């Protein structure tokens, strides 16, 4: 890694070990490898900071990444709910918007954006551990994701097209019509329902992230 590599601040899921009385922040190792290949240092953001805004400002990221895993706390009860993560990621989204920092939101990240914008999430079937084709939409300018491409899928909650927030444009849908990707109309922000870090990196996803980084 070169000494002038820029930072990508990346959110972490919360893993709960009740038998040990532990709540752990966790991150798929593949994220670090993907970001490193793009010339970025992955800087995981803790979910238990006393002053997360100050921490994020000091990190001065070239890219902010909202990762998958965990459901939004108000949607579920039990061990998968992580309100501390909701707070951390809401702040990350706020920072990205206020500073025009490039943002990549994945799966839960897209759900957070829709929820924050007042849209409703809906339960979906056939989207867990199943690959499927997507249809791309012309609303997304300079969109590098090819039409008909197969993407992975690991979510129980989906987004209907009518729930896309104001300021965002539909970029891709699944065969059942649910949202697979959205792009912000004016800010360097992209949200995907698939996971670019899982499996062999797709050239489309690399091009998309490089496009985002280039806007910082």
Foldseek 3Di string as FASTA:
>chain_A
DDPPQFEEEEEFAWADDVVVRDIDTDDDPLVQVLQVVVRYGYDYQDLDDPCLLVVVVVSPGLEYEYEDAAADQVVDDDRSHDPSSLVNVVSVVVVCVVVLRAYEYEANRQVSVLVVLVFDKDFDPPQAQDKFFKAFDPVDPPQLDDHRDIFHGHDGIFGAPVSDHPQKAQTMATPVRTGAKIAGPPGNYIYGHGDCSPDDHDPSVSVSVSVRSVVD
